[in-house]
Every structure is written in C-alpha cells, then in structure tokens.
Amino acid sequence: MKPLILINFKTYKEASGNKSLALARQLARIKRKKYQIAVAPSLLTLKEITKVNIPVYAQHTDLVGLGAHTGRVPAKELKDIGVKGTILNHSERKIPLKILQEIIQNCKTNRLTTVVCASTISEIKKIAQFNPDYIAYEPKELIGGNISVTESKPDIILEAVQTAHEVSKRIKVLVGAGIHSKEDIGQALLLGAEGVLIGHAVPKAKDPKKFLEGLLI
C-alpha cells in the first residue's frame, strides 16, 4: 500500500468552517502517485468534505450505534456519509483502553479504517493487541512543536514499528509529532513507518498546497 499522509485539521481557525472545505479542495489537487493523501477535518465539516475527491477521516468516534445518544459520533453514521476512517485516542482526546478496544471493533464492523494514536512504546504494545489498521506514534512532548520525532528520537521509531509488528505484521505504523519537512517524512519511511500524521504544519502554512507538495517530493 502507498504511505498514508493524514492531515489533521483539528479546529484551527485556518481550517474551520468554509476554510475547511477550501483547504480540502486545495489538498485534493495535489498529485503524488507514491502517496495516499487524506484529511481529518472537524466533525462539523465532515459531510461536506466527503464530497471532495480526497479520503476523509473523522477526528474521533464514540462507542455508540444509531439511537438515543445526544452529542455522540457513531461509526455507522460516519460510514453512511462517506467517511473512510477515524483517528482514535489522540493525545487531545484520550480513550480508556477497554472502551478503545470496543470502538476499534465497532469501526471494523462498520468498515472504517482505524488510526489509533499512542504516545509511548508501552501504549503501542497494549493498543496493538486490539489490531487497529494503523498505530500513530506521537510522543506527547513533541506534538505541536517544531522538533520532529525523527529528529529527536529516530531510534524509537524502529522500536515502535518492531513493537507493533511483534503482535501483528498487518498493523501499519504512522509517525506524528512535529513532522514539518520532506526529510522528516523520508526518515520516517526509511525507519519502517508507513506514513505520517501531520497537524499544524499544513493547515497553518502560508500556502498549504505548496507546502505539502514540498514535503512529498
């Protein structure tokens, strides 16, 4: 499979409301056959952005079906509106492990790709037992900063990949936290990762399309 480049819009002002749709359209125009580019917009703009020609991931999913669940995000509804997958257990939206396991299974039932975040090797080991599609390794202290995990802790990426693969070779590892250069992405792939999870670097760039194109040479 192609390396996944997943852009998390969070709720940045540069990627909220109508700006979210405009950003998704910009990124959808990037043509890089070597990579699969996907976006994770805010929950309020998901449905509109699924109409753009780019894979869309939710930023979170709850352990509920369709029914009396005010304010919740069901996997079934995400799938029904055209969402491809979901980020789970981000450092800004942690989920207790027992519930996380059930959400992953529910997402599998609804054919949603799961990208589950982990901030430590120990957490990777536990999450891998749940067989998600991807584990996104993001050391918490580096999230949102300008120093990437590939710069500060390259050896630990090898350990993260090995830890996940000890449980299942089918689990793919993404690298997150501070990814902001083509060297970061290249190094992550060389160390065994199968893509990256990018936060502020793309949405907050002066020209997001040009910036991401520069990362994917």
N, C-alpha and C. Protein backbone atom coordinates (compact mmCIF):
# COMPACT_ATOMS: atom_id res chain seq x y z
N MET A 1 0.83 -1.20 0.00
CA MET A 1 0.00 0.00 0.00
C MET A 1 0.86 1.25 0.00
N LYS A 2 0.32 2.34 -0.52
CA LYS A 2 1.03 3.61 -0.53
C LYS A 2 1.12 4.17 0.89
N PRO A 3 2.21 4.87 1.23
CA PRO A 3 2.28 5.54 2.53
C PRO A 3 1.13 6.52 2.69
N LEU A 4 0.55 6.54 3.89
CA LEU A 4 -0.57 7.42 4.18
C LEU A 4 -0.06 8.75 4.74
N ILE A 5 -0.49 9.84 4.14
CA ILE A 5 -0.19 11.18 4.63
C ILE A 5 -1.51 11.75 5.14
N LEU A 6 -1.72 11.70 6.44
CA LEU A 6 -3.00 12.10 7.02
C LEU A 6 -2.86 13.47 7.68
N ILE A 7 -3.64 14.43 7.20
CA ILE A 7 -3.56 15.81 7.68
C ILE A 7 -4.71 16.05 8.66
N ASN A 8 -4.37 16.31 9.92
CA ASN A 8 -5.37 16.58 10.95
C ASN A 8 -5.63 18.08 11.03
N PHE A 9 -6.84 18.49 10.63
CA PHE A 9 -7.20 19.91 10.66
C PHE A 9 -7.45 20.42 12.07
N LYS A 10 -7.68 19.49 13.02
CA LYS A 10 -8.09 19.85 14.38
C LYS A 10 -9.23 20.87 14.29
N THR A 11 -9.20 21.94 15.08
CA THR A 11 -10.18 23.01 14.90
C THR A 11 -9.44 24.34 14.74
N TYR A 12 -8.31 24.28 14.03
CA TYR A 12 -7.56 25.51 13.77
C TYR A 12 -8.43 26.51 13.01
N LYS A 13 -8.27 27.78 13.30
CA LYS A 13 -9.08 28.80 12.62
C LYS A 13 -8.80 28.80 11.12
N GLU A 14 -7.59 28.38 10.74
CA GLU A 14 -7.24 28.33 9.31
C GLU A 14 -7.93 27.17 8.59
N ALA A 15 -8.54 26.27 9.37
CA ALA A 15 -9.15 25.07 8.77
C ALA A 15 -10.53 24.81 9.36
N SER A 16 -11.25 25.88 9.69
CA SER A 16 -12.58 25.72 10.25
C SER A 16 -13.62 26.35 9.33
N GLY A 17 -14.88 25.93 9.46
CA GLY A 17 -15.95 26.49 8.66
C GLY A 17 -15.68 26.36 7.17
N ASN A 18 -15.94 27.42 6.42
CA ASN A 18 -15.72 27.40 4.98
C ASN A 18 -14.26 27.21 4.61
N LYS A 19 -13.36 27.62 5.50
CA LYS A 19 -11.93 27.46 5.24
C LYS A 19 -11.55 25.98 5.19
N SER A 20 -12.27 25.16 5.93
CA SER A 20 -12.01 23.73 5.94
C SER A 20 -12.24 23.12 4.56
N LEU A 21 -13.37 23.47 3.97
CA LEU A 21 -13.69 22.96 2.63
C LEU A 21 -12.68 23.47 1.60
N ALA A 22 -12.31 24.74 1.70
CA ALA A 22 -11.33 25.31 0.76
C ALA A 22 -9.98 24.61 0.89
N LEU A 23 -9.58 24.31 2.12
CA LEU A 23 -8.30 23.63 2.35
C LEU A 23 -8.34 22.22 1.78
N ALA A 24 -9.43 21.51 2.02
CA ALA A 24 -9.55 20.14 1.49
C ALA A 24 -9.48 20.15 -0.03
N ARG A 25 -10.11 21.13 -0.66
CA ARG A 25 -10.07 21.23 -2.13
C ARG A 25 -8.66 21.51 -2.64
N GLN A 26 -7.94 22.35 -1.91
CA GLN A 26 -6.54 22.62 -2.29
C GLN A 26 -5.71 21.35 -2.24
N LEU A 27 -5.83 20.62 -1.13
CA LEU A 27 -5.01 19.43 -0.94
C LEU A 27 -5.40 18.32 -1.91
N ALA A 28 -6.68 18.29 -2.31
CA ALA A 28 -7.14 17.27 -3.25
C ALA A 28 -6.51 17.45 -4.63
N ARG A 29 -6.01 18.65 -4.91
CA ARG A 29 -5.40 18.91 -6.22
C ARG A 29 -3.94 18.45 -6.30
N ILE A 30 -3.40 18.01 -5.18
CA ILE A 30 -2.01 17.54 -5.18
C ILE A 30 -1.96 16.15 -5.81
N LYS A 31 -1.11 15.98 -6.78
CA LYS A 31 -0.97 14.70 -7.49
C LYS A 31 0.38 14.07 -7.16
N ARG A 32 0.35 13.11 -6.27
CA ARG A 32 1.56 12.38 -5.91
C ARG A 32 1.22 10.89 -5.88
N LYS A 33 1.58 10.17 -6.94
CA LYS A 33 1.17 8.77 -7.07
C LYS A 33 1.79 7.87 -6.00
N LYS A 34 2.89 8.31 -5.40
CA LYS A 34 3.57 7.47 -4.41
C LYS A 34 2.86 7.47 -3.06
N TYR A 35 1.96 8.43 -2.83
CA TYR A 35 1.36 8.60 -1.51
C TYR A 35 -0.17 8.59 -1.58
N GLN A 36 -0.78 8.25 -0.47
CA GLN A 36 -2.22 8.44 -0.30
C GLN A 36 -2.42 9.60 0.66
N ILE A 37 -2.95 10.70 0.16
CA ILE A 37 -3.20 11.88 0.99
C ILE A 37 -4.63 11.85 1.48
N ALA A 38 -4.83 12.07 2.78
CA ALA A 38 -6.16 12.08 3.37
C ALA A 38 -6.24 13.23 4.37
N VAL A 39 -7.47 13.62 4.69
CA VAL A 39 -7.67 14.74 5.62
C VAL A 39 -8.61 14.33 6.75
N ALA A 40 -8.40 14.94 7.92
CA ALA A 40 -9.28 14.74 9.07
C ALA A 40 -9.80 16.11 9.50
N PRO A 41 -10.90 16.57 8.89
CA PRO A 41 -11.46 17.88 9.25
C PRO A 41 -12.24 17.81 10.54
N SER A 42 -12.70 18.95 11.01
CA SER A 42 -13.52 18.96 12.22
C SER A 42 -14.82 18.20 11.96
N LEU A 43 -15.42 17.70 13.02
CA LEU A 43 -16.65 16.91 12.88
C LEU A 43 -17.77 17.71 12.23
N LEU A 44 -17.75 19.03 12.40
CA LEU A 44 -18.82 19.85 11.85
C LEU A 44 -18.76 20.00 10.34
N THR A 45 -17.63 19.68 9.74
CA THR A 45 -17.48 19.86 8.29
C THR A 45 -17.29 18.53 7.55
N LEU A 46 -17.37 17.42 8.27
CA LEU A 46 -17.10 16.11 7.67
C LEU A 46 -17.94 15.83 6.43
N LYS A 47 -19.26 15.95 6.57
CA LYS A 47 -20.14 15.52 5.48
C LYS A 47 -19.88 16.31 4.21
N GLU A 48 -19.69 17.61 4.35
CA GLU A 48 -19.44 18.44 3.17
C GLU A 48 -18.14 18.05 2.49
N ILE A 49 -17.13 17.75 3.29
CA ILE A 49 -15.81 17.46 2.71
C ILE A 49 -15.76 16.07 2.09
N THR A 50 -16.65 15.16 2.48
CA THR A 50 -16.68 13.85 1.82
C THR A 50 -17.04 13.97 0.34
N LYS A 51 -17.56 15.11 -0.07
CA LYS A 51 -17.89 15.33 -1.48
C LYS A 51 -16.67 15.78 -2.29
N VAL A 52 -15.58 16.11 -1.60
CA VAL A 52 -14.32 16.47 -2.26
C VAL A 52 -13.60 15.17 -2.62
N ASN A 53 -12.84 15.18 -3.68
CA ASN A 53 -12.16 13.97 -4.14
C ASN A 53 -10.87 13.71 -3.35
N ILE A 54 -11.06 13.40 -2.06
CA ILE A 54 -9.94 13.10 -1.17
C ILE A 54 -10.48 12.24 -0.02
N PRO A 55 -9.75 11.21 0.42
CA PRO A 55 -10.24 10.39 1.54
C PRO A 55 -10.38 11.24 2.81
N VAL A 56 -11.48 11.00 3.55
CA VAL A 56 -11.79 11.79 4.74
C VAL A 56 -11.85 10.87 5.96
N TYR A 57 -11.18 11.31 7.02
CA TYR A 57 -11.18 10.60 8.31
C TYR A 57 -11.84 11.49 9.36
N ALA A 58 -12.57 10.87 10.28
CA ALA A 58 -13.10 11.61 11.43
C ALA A 58 -11.99 11.79 12.46
N GLN A 59 -12.10 12.83 13.27
CA GLN A 59 -11.11 13.07 14.31
C GLN A 59 -11.39 12.25 15.57
N HIS A 60 -12.58 11.64 15.64
CA HIS A 60 -12.95 10.85 16.81
C HIS A 60 -14.20 10.04 16.47
N THR A 61 -14.39 8.92 17.16
CA THR A 61 -15.61 8.12 17.04
C THR A 61 -15.96 7.59 18.43
N ASP A 62 -17.25 7.56 18.73
CA ASP A 62 -17.71 7.07 20.04
C ASP A 62 -18.20 5.64 19.96
N LEU A 63 -18.33 5.02 21.11
CA LEU A 63 -18.82 3.65 21.20
C LEU A 63 -20.34 3.65 21.29
N VAL A 64 -20.97 4.02 20.20
CA VAL A 64 -22.44 4.04 20.15
C VAL A 64 -22.89 3.62 18.75
N GLY A 65 -24.12 3.10 18.69
CA GLY A 65 -24.76 2.88 17.41
C GLY A 65 -25.72 4.02 17.15
N LEU A 66 -26.57 3.85 16.16
CA LEU A 66 -27.59 4.85 15.90
C LEU A 66 -28.67 4.73 16.97
N GLY A 67 -29.10 5.85 17.54
CA GLY A 67 -30.11 5.80 18.59
C GLY A 67 -30.07 7.03 19.47
N ALA A 68 -30.46 6.84 20.73
CA ALA A 68 -30.58 7.96 21.67
C ALA A 68 -29.22 8.26 22.30
N HIS A 69 -28.38 8.95 21.55
CA HIS A 69 -27.01 9.22 22.01
C HIS A 69 -26.66 10.68 21.67
N THR A 70 -27.22 11.60 22.41
CA THR A 70 -27.03 13.02 22.14
C THR A 70 -25.55 13.42 22.16
N GLY A 71 -25.12 14.09 21.11
CA GLY A 71 -23.76 14.62 21.07
C GLY A 71 -22.69 13.61 20.77
N ARG A 72 -23.06 12.38 20.43
CA ARG A 72 -22.08 11.33 20.16
C ARG A 72 -21.82 11.17 18.66
N VAL A 73 -20.75 10.43 18.33
CA VAL A 73 -20.36 10.23 16.94
C VAL A 73 -20.35 8.73 16.63
N PRO A 74 -21.41 8.21 16.02
CA PRO A 74 -21.47 6.78 15.73
C PRO A 74 -20.67 6.38 14.49
N ALA A 75 -19.99 5.25 14.55
CA ALA A 75 -19.25 4.75 13.40
C ALA A 75 -20.16 4.50 12.21
N LYS A 76 -21.36 4.00 12.46
CA LYS A 76 -22.30 3.69 11.38
C LYS A 76 -22.65 4.95 10.59
N GLU A 77 -22.90 6.04 11.30
CA GLU A 77 -23.26 7.28 10.60
C GLU A 77 -22.08 7.83 9.81
N LEU A 78 -20.87 7.73 10.38
CA LEU A 78 -19.69 8.17 9.65
C LEU A 78 -19.56 7.42 8.33
N LYS A 79 -19.72 6.10 8.40
CA LYS A 79 -19.62 5.29 7.18
C LYS A 79 -20.70 5.67 6.19
N ASP A 80 -21.90 5.89 6.69
CA ASP A 80 -23.04 6.20 5.82
C ASP A 80 -22.86 7.52 5.06
N ILE A 81 -22.14 8.48 5.64
CA ILE A 81 -21.97 9.77 4.95
C ILE A 81 -20.70 9.81 4.09
N GLY A 82 -19.97 8.68 4.04
CA GLY A 82 -18.83 8.60 3.13
C GLY A 82 -17.47 8.77 3.76
N VAL A 83 -17.40 8.73 5.09
CA VAL A 83 -16.10 8.83 5.78
C VAL A 83 -15.36 7.51 5.64
N LYS A 84 -14.05 7.58 5.38
CA LYS A 84 -13.23 6.38 5.15
C LYS A 84 -12.71 5.76 6.45
N GLY A 85 -12.36 6.61 7.42
CA GLY A 85 -11.75 6.08 8.64
C GLY A 85 -11.84 7.08 9.77
N THR A 86 -11.13 6.78 10.85
CA THR A 86 -11.19 7.64 12.02
C THR A 86 -9.89 7.64 12.79
N ILE A 87 -9.55 8.78 13.34
CA ILE A 87 -8.47 8.88 14.33
C ILE A 87 -9.09 8.55 15.69
N LEU A 88 -8.38 7.81 16.50
CA LEU A 88 -8.84 7.47 17.85
C LEU A 88 -7.70 7.67 18.84
N ASN A 89 -8.06 8.04 20.06
CA ASN A 89 -7.11 8.12 21.17
C ASN A 89 -6.01 9.17 20.97
N HIS A 90 -6.33 10.23 20.25
CA HIS A 90 -5.37 11.32 20.11
C HIS A 90 -5.05 11.87 21.50
N SER A 91 -3.88 12.45 21.66
CA SER A 91 -3.48 12.97 22.98
C SER A 91 -4.45 14.03 23.49
N GLU A 92 -5.18 14.67 22.55
CA GLU A 92 -6.16 15.68 22.94
C GLU A 92 -7.55 15.08 23.16
N ARG A 93 -7.68 13.77 22.94
CA ARG A 93 -8.98 13.09 23.11
C ARG A 93 -8.72 11.63 23.48
N LYS A 94 -8.12 11.42 24.65
CA LYS A 94 -7.75 10.07 25.08
C LYS A 94 -9.00 9.24 25.39
N ILE A 95 -8.87 7.93 25.19
CA ILE A 95 -9.96 6.98 25.41
C ILE A 95 -9.46 5.86 26.32
N PRO A 96 -10.19 5.50 27.37
CA PRO A 96 -9.78 4.37 28.21
C PRO A 96 -9.60 3.11 27.36
N LEU A 97 -8.59 2.31 27.68
CA LEU A 97 -8.23 1.18 26.83
C LEU A 97 -9.38 0.20 26.59
N LYS A 98 -10.14 -0.10 27.63
CA LYS A 98 -11.25 -1.05 27.46
C LYS A 98 -12.26 -0.53 26.45
N ILE A 99 -12.59 0.75 26.54
CA ILE A 99 -13.54 1.34 25.59
C ILE A 99 -12.91 1.45 24.21
N LEU A 100 -11.63 1.78 24.16
CA LEU A 100 -10.92 1.89 22.88
C LEU A 100 -10.99 0.57 22.12
N GLN A 101 -10.77 -0.52 22.82
CA GLN A 101 -10.83 -1.84 22.17
C GLN A 101 -12.19 -2.07 21.52
N GLU A 102 -13.24 -1.70 22.22
CA GLU A 102 -14.60 -1.90 21.69
C GLU A 102 -14.89 -0.97 20.53
N ILE A 103 -14.39 0.27 20.59
CA ILE A 103 -14.59 1.20 19.49
C ILE A 103 -13.90 0.69 18.23
N ILE A 104 -12.67 0.19 18.38
CA ILE A 104 -11.94 -0.36 17.23
C ILE A 104 -12.72 -1.49 16.59
N GLN A 105 -13.27 -2.38 17.41
CA GLN A 105 -14.05 -3.49 16.88
C GLN A 105 -15.31 -2.99 16.17
N ASN A 106 -15.95 -2.00 16.75
CA ASN A 106 -17.15 -1.43 16.15
C ASN A 106 -16.83 -0.76 14.81
N CYS A 107 -15.68 -0.10 14.75
CA CYS A 107 -15.25 0.52 13.49
C CYS A 107 -14.97 -0.55 12.43
N LYS A 108 -14.36 -1.65 12.83
CA LYS A 108 -14.12 -2.75 11.89
C LYS A 108 -15.44 -3.28 11.34
N THR A 109 -16.43 -3.44 12.23
CA THR A 109 -17.74 -3.91 11.81
C THR A 109 -18.35 -2.99 10.77
N ASN A 110 -18.10 -1.69 10.93
CA ASN A 110 -18.64 -0.69 10.00
C ASN A 110 -17.67 -0.32 8.89
N ARG A 111 -16.59 -1.09 8.77
CA ARG A 111 -15.61 -0.93 7.68
C ARG A 111 -14.99 0.47 7.66
N LEU A 112 -14.67 0.97 8.84
CA LEU A 112 -13.93 2.22 8.97
C LEU A 112 -12.48 1.90 9.29
N THR A 113 -11.56 2.50 8.57
CA THR A 113 -10.13 2.34 8.87
C THR A 113 -9.81 3.05 10.18
N THR A 114 -9.05 2.39 11.05
CA THR A 114 -8.73 2.95 12.36
C THR A 114 -7.27 3.39 12.43
N VAL A 115 -7.08 4.65 12.83
CA VAL A 115 -5.74 5.21 13.09
C VAL A 115 -5.71 5.54 14.58
N VAL A 116 -5.03 4.72 15.35
CA VAL A 116 -5.07 4.85 16.81
C VAL A 116 -3.75 5.44 17.31
N CYS A 117 -3.84 6.55 18.02
CA CYS A 117 -2.64 7.25 18.48
C CYS A 117 -2.10 6.62 19.76
N ALA A 118 -0.79 6.63 19.88
CA ALA A 118 -0.10 6.14 21.08
C ALA A 118 1.08 7.07 21.35
N SER A 119 1.31 7.39 22.62
CA SER A 119 2.37 8.34 22.96
C SER A 119 3.60 7.68 23.57
N THR A 120 3.52 6.37 23.84
CA THR A 120 4.66 5.65 24.41
C THR A 120 4.75 4.26 23.78
N ILE A 121 5.91 3.64 23.92
CA ILE A 121 6.09 2.26 23.44
C ILE A 121 5.18 1.31 24.22
N SER A 122 5.05 1.55 25.50
CA SER A 122 4.16 0.73 26.32
C SER A 122 2.73 0.79 25.82
N GLU A 123 2.29 1.99 25.44
CA GLU A 123 0.93 2.14 24.93
C GLU A 123 0.77 1.45 23.58
N ILE A 124 1.80 1.51 22.74
CA ILE A 124 1.77 0.81 21.46
C ILE A 124 1.55 -0.68 21.69
N LYS A 125 2.28 -1.24 22.66
CA LYS A 125 2.18 -2.67 22.96
C LYS A 125 0.75 -3.06 23.34
N LYS A 126 0.09 -2.21 24.13
CA LYS A 126 -1.28 -2.51 24.56
C LYS A 126 -2.26 -2.35 23.42
N ILE A 127 -2.12 -1.27 22.66
CA ILE A 127 -3.06 -0.99 21.58
C ILE A 127 -2.93 -2.01 20.45
N ALA A 128 -1.74 -2.48 20.21
CA ALA A 128 -1.53 -3.46 19.13
C ALA A 128 -2.35 -4.72 19.36
N GLN A 129 -2.64 -5.05 20.61
CA GLN A 129 -3.45 -6.23 20.91
C GLN A 129 -4.86 -6.10 20.35
N PHE A 130 -5.30 -4.87 20.06
CA PHE A 130 -6.65 -4.64 19.55
C PHE A 130 -6.71 -4.69 18.02
N ASN A 131 -5.55 -4.87 17.38
CA ASN A 131 -5.45 -5.00 15.92
C ASN A 131 -6.07 -3.83 15.14
N PRO A 132 -5.67 -2.60 15.42
CA PRO A 132 -6.11 -1.49 14.58
C PRO A 132 -5.42 -1.56 13.22
N ASP A 133 -5.90 -0.79 12.27
CA ASP A 133 -5.24 -0.75 10.96
C ASP A 133 -3.91 -0.02 11.04
N TYR A 134 -3.91 1.11 11.77
CA TYR A 134 -2.69 1.91 11.95
C TYR A 134 -2.53 2.26 13.42
N ILE A 135 -1.28 2.35 13.86
CA ILE A 135 -0.95 2.99 15.13
C ILE A 135 -0.11 4.21 14.80
N ALA A 136 -0.55 5.37 15.26
CA ALA A 136 0.19 6.61 15.03
C ALA A 136 0.99 6.93 16.28
N TYR A 137 2.30 6.80 16.17
CA TYR A 137 3.17 7.06 17.33
C TYR A 137 3.51 8.54 17.40
N GLU A 138 3.07 9.18 18.49
CA GLU A 138 3.28 10.61 18.69
C GLU A 138 3.72 10.88 20.13
N PRO A 139 5.03 11.00 20.38
CA PRO A 139 5.46 11.39 21.72
C PRO A 139 4.80 12.70 22.13
N LYS A 140 4.10 12.70 23.23
CA LYS A 140 3.26 13.84 23.61
C LYS A 140 4.04 15.14 23.71
N GLU A 141 5.29 15.07 24.19
CA GLU A 141 6.05 16.30 24.42
C GLU A 141 6.46 16.99 23.11
N LEU A 142 6.32 16.29 21.98
CA LEU A 142 6.72 16.87 20.70
C LEU A 142 5.54 17.34 19.86
N ILE A 143 4.30 17.02 20.28
CA ILE A 143 3.12 17.39 19.50
C ILE A 143 2.98 18.91 19.46
N GLY A 144 2.78 19.43 18.26
CA GLY A 144 2.58 20.87 18.09
C GLY A 144 3.85 21.67 18.08
N GLY A 145 5.00 21.01 18.17
CA GLY A 145 6.27 21.73 18.21
C GLY A 145 6.95 21.74 16.85
N ASN A 146 8.18 22.26 16.83
CA ASN A 146 8.95 22.36 15.59
C ASN A 146 10.09 21.36 15.52
N ILE A 147 10.17 20.50 16.52
CA ILE A 147 11.17 19.43 16.51
C ILE A 147 10.42 18.12 16.31
N SER A 148 10.76 17.39 15.27
CA SER A 148 10.04 16.17 14.94
C SER A 148 10.61 14.98 15.70
N VAL A 149 9.80 13.94 15.79
CA VAL A 149 10.26 12.71 16.44
C VAL A 149 11.40 12.09 15.63
N THR A 150 11.42 12.30 14.31
CA THR A 150 12.50 11.73 13.51
C THR A 150 13.83 12.43 13.78
N GLU A 151 13.77 13.68 14.24
CA GLU A 151 14.99 14.42 14.58
C GLU A 151 15.46 14.07 15.99
N SER A 152 14.53 14.03 16.94
CA SER A 152 14.93 13.90 18.33
C SER A 152 15.01 12.45 18.81
N LYS A 153 14.19 11.56 18.22
CA LYS A 153 14.15 10.18 18.69
C LYS A 153 14.04 9.19 17.53
N PRO A 154 14.97 9.24 16.57
CA PRO A 154 14.83 8.33 15.42
C PRO A 154 14.85 6.86 15.80
N ASP A 155 15.68 6.48 16.75
CA ASP A 155 15.77 5.06 17.12
C ASP A 155 14.47 4.52 17.68
N ILE A 156 13.69 5.39 18.31
CA ILE A 156 12.47 4.91 18.93
C ILE A 156 11.39 4.59 17.89
N ILE A 157 11.54 5.15 16.69
CA ILE A 157 10.61 4.78 15.61
C ILE A 157 10.81 3.32 15.23
N LEU A 158 12.05 2.91 15.13
CA LEU A 158 12.34 1.49 14.87
C LEU A 158 11.72 0.60 15.95
N GLU A 159 11.84 1.04 17.19
CA GLU A 159 11.28 0.28 18.29
C GLU A 159 9.75 0.24 18.22
N ALA A 160 9.15 1.37 17.83
CA ALA A 160 7.69 1.43 17.71
C ALA A 160 7.20 0.45 16.65
N VAL A 161 7.85 0.45 15.49
CA VAL A 161 7.47 -0.46 14.41
C VAL A 161 7.65 -1.91 14.83
N GLN A 162 8.78 -2.20 15.45
CA GLN A 162 9.05 -3.57 15.90
C GLN A 162 8.03 -4.02 16.94
N THR A 163 7.68 -3.13 17.86
CA THR A 163 6.71 -3.47 18.92
C THR A 163 5.35 -3.81 18.32
N ALA A 164 4.90 -3.01 17.38
CA ALA A 164 3.61 -3.28 16.73
C ALA A 164 3.64 -4.58 15.94
N HIS A 165 4.75 -4.81 15.22
CA HIS A 165 4.84 -5.99 14.37
C HIS A 165 5.05 -7.28 15.15
N GLU A 166 5.50 -7.16 16.36
CA GLU A 166 5.59 -8.36 17.20
C GLU A 166 4.21 -8.94 17.49
N VAL A 167 3.21 -8.07 17.48
CA VAL A 167 1.82 -8.52 17.68
C VAL A 167 1.21 -8.93 16.36
N SER A 168 1.35 -8.08 15.33
CA SER A 168 0.80 -8.38 14.02
C SER A 168 1.54 -7.60 12.95
N LYS A 169 2.02 -8.31 11.93
CA LYS A 169 2.70 -7.66 10.80
C LYS A 169 1.73 -6.81 9.99
N ARG A 170 0.43 -7.01 10.19
CA ARG A 170 -0.57 -6.28 9.42
C ARG A 170 -0.80 -4.86 9.95
N ILE A 171 -0.36 -4.61 11.18
CA ILE A 171 -0.52 -3.26 11.74
C ILE A 171 0.50 -2.33 11.11
N LYS A 172 0.03 -1.21 10.58
CA LYS A 172 0.93 -0.23 9.98
C LYS A 172 1.17 0.90 10.97
N VAL A 173 2.37 1.40 10.99
CA VAL A 173 2.75 2.46 11.94
C VAL A 173 2.91 3.78 11.21
N LEU A 174 2.26 4.82 11.73
CA LEU A 174 2.46 6.18 11.27
C LEU A 174 3.31 6.91 12.30
N VAL A 175 3.98 7.96 11.86
CA VAL A 175 4.77 8.79 12.76
C VAL A 175 4.14 10.17 12.81
N GLY A 176 3.96 10.71 14.00
CA GLY A 176 3.42 12.05 14.15
C GLY A 176 4.30 12.86 15.08
N ALA A 177 3.86 14.05 15.40
CA ALA A 177 4.53 14.96 16.33
C ALA A 177 5.67 15.72 15.67
N GLY A 178 5.39 16.95 15.28
CA GLY A 178 6.42 17.84 14.77
C GLY A 178 6.86 17.59 13.34
N ILE A 179 6.16 16.75 12.58
CA ILE A 179 6.53 16.47 11.20
C ILE A 179 6.33 17.74 10.36
N HIS A 180 7.44 18.24 9.77
CA HIS A 180 7.32 19.52 9.05
C HIS A 180 8.28 19.65 7.87
N SER A 181 8.94 18.56 7.48
CA SER A 181 9.87 18.66 6.36
C SER A 181 9.87 17.35 5.56
N LYS A 182 10.39 17.45 4.31
CA LYS A 182 10.48 16.24 3.49
C LYS A 182 11.48 15.25 4.10
N GLU A 183 12.48 15.78 4.82
CA GLU A 183 13.43 14.90 5.49
C GLU A 183 12.75 14.10 6.60
N ASP A 184 11.81 14.74 7.31
CA ASP A 184 11.07 14.03 8.36
C ASP A 184 10.31 12.84 7.78
N ILE A 185 9.62 13.08 6.66
CA ILE A 185 8.83 12.02 6.05
C ILE A 185 9.73 10.92 5.50
N GLY A 186 10.79 11.32 4.80
CA GLY A 186 11.72 10.34 4.25
C GLY A 186 12.35 9.48 5.32
N GLN A 187 12.76 10.10 6.42
CA GLN A 187 13.38 9.36 7.51
C GLN A 187 12.38 8.41 8.16
N ALA A 188 11.15 8.87 8.35
CA ALA A 188 10.13 8.01 8.95
C ALA A 188 9.90 6.76 8.11
N LEU A 189 9.84 6.93 6.79
CA LEU A 189 9.62 5.78 5.90
C LEU A 189 10.83 4.85 5.89
N LEU A 190 12.02 5.42 5.92
CA LEU A 190 13.23 4.60 5.97
C LEU A 190 13.30 3.76 7.25
N LEU A 191 12.74 4.30 8.33
CA LEU A 191 12.79 3.61 9.62
C LEU A 191 11.65 2.59 9.78
N GLY A 192 10.84 2.43 8.74
CA GLY A 192 9.82 1.39 8.78
C GLY A 192 8.39 1.85 8.93
N ALA A 193 8.19 3.16 9.11
CA ALA A 193 6.82 3.67 9.20
C ALA A 193 6.17 3.60 7.81
N GLU A 194 4.84 3.62 7.80
CA GLU A 194 4.10 3.53 6.54
C GLU A 194 3.26 4.78 6.31
N GLY A 195 3.79 5.90 6.82
CA GLY A 195 3.13 7.17 6.62
C GLY A 195 3.32 8.09 7.80
N VAL A 196 2.65 9.24 7.76
CA VAL A 196 2.78 10.24 8.83
C VAL A 196 1.41 10.85 9.13
N LEU A 197 1.29 11.33 10.36
CA LEU A 197 0.13 12.10 10.80
C LEU A 197 0.62 13.52 11.06
N ILE A 198 0.09 14.48 10.29
CA ILE A 198 0.57 15.86 10.36
C ILE A 198 -0.52 16.75 10.92
N GLY A 199 -0.17 17.61 11.88
CA GLY A 199 -1.12 18.54 12.47
C GLY A 199 -0.94 19.94 11.94
N HIS A 200 -0.39 20.82 12.76
CA HIS A 200 -0.41 22.26 12.46
C HIS A 200 0.40 22.67 11.23
N ALA A 201 1.42 21.91 10.86
CA ALA A 201 2.34 22.34 9.82
C ALA A 201 1.65 22.64 8.50
N VAL A 202 0.66 21.85 8.12
CA VAL A 202 -0.03 22.07 6.84
C VAL A 202 -1.14 23.12 6.96
N PRO A 203 -2.12 22.95 7.85
CA PRO A 203 -3.19 23.96 7.92
C PRO A 203 -2.70 25.37 8.18
N LYS A 204 -1.63 25.52 8.95
CA LYS A 204 -1.15 26.84 9.31
C LYS A 204 -0.10 27.40 8.33
N ALA A 205 0.24 26.63 7.31
CA ALA A 205 1.21 27.10 6.32
C ALA A 205 0.63 28.27 5.51
N LYS A 206 1.49 29.15 5.04
CA LYS A 206 1.05 30.30 4.25
C LYS A 206 0.35 29.83 2.97
N ASP A 207 0.90 28.79 2.36
CA ASP A 207 0.30 28.17 1.18
C ASP A 207 0.28 26.67 1.43
N PRO A 208 -0.79 26.14 2.04
CA PRO A 208 -0.81 24.72 2.43
C PRO A 208 -0.54 23.75 1.28
N LYS A 209 -1.11 24.00 0.12
CA LYS A 209 -0.90 23.09 -1.02
C LYS A 209 0.57 23.06 -1.41
N LYS A 210 1.17 24.22 -1.58
CA LYS A 210 2.58 24.29 -1.97
C LYS A 210 3.47 23.68 -0.90
N PHE A 211 3.12 23.92 0.38
CA PHE A 211 3.91 23.38 1.48
C PHE A 211 3.89 21.85 1.46
N LEU A 212 2.67 21.27 1.32
CA LEU A 212 2.59 19.81 1.33
C LEU A 212 3.24 19.22 0.11
N GLU A 213 3.12 19.87 -1.03
CA GLU A 213 3.81 19.39 -2.23
C GLU A 213 5.31 19.32 -1.99
N GLY A 214 5.83 20.31 -1.26
CA GLY A 214 7.26 20.32 -0.94
C GLY A 214 7.69 19.20 -0.03
N LEU A 215 6.77 18.72 0.80
CA LEU A 215 7.06 17.60 1.71
C LEU A 215 7.12 16.27 0.96
N LEU A 216 6.41 16.19 -0.15
CA LEU A 216 6.20 14.89 -0.81
C LEU A 216 7.00 14.71 -2.08
N ILE A 217 8.12 15.38 -2.17
CA ILE A 217 8.99 15.22 -3.37
C ILE A 217 9.54 13.81 -3.41
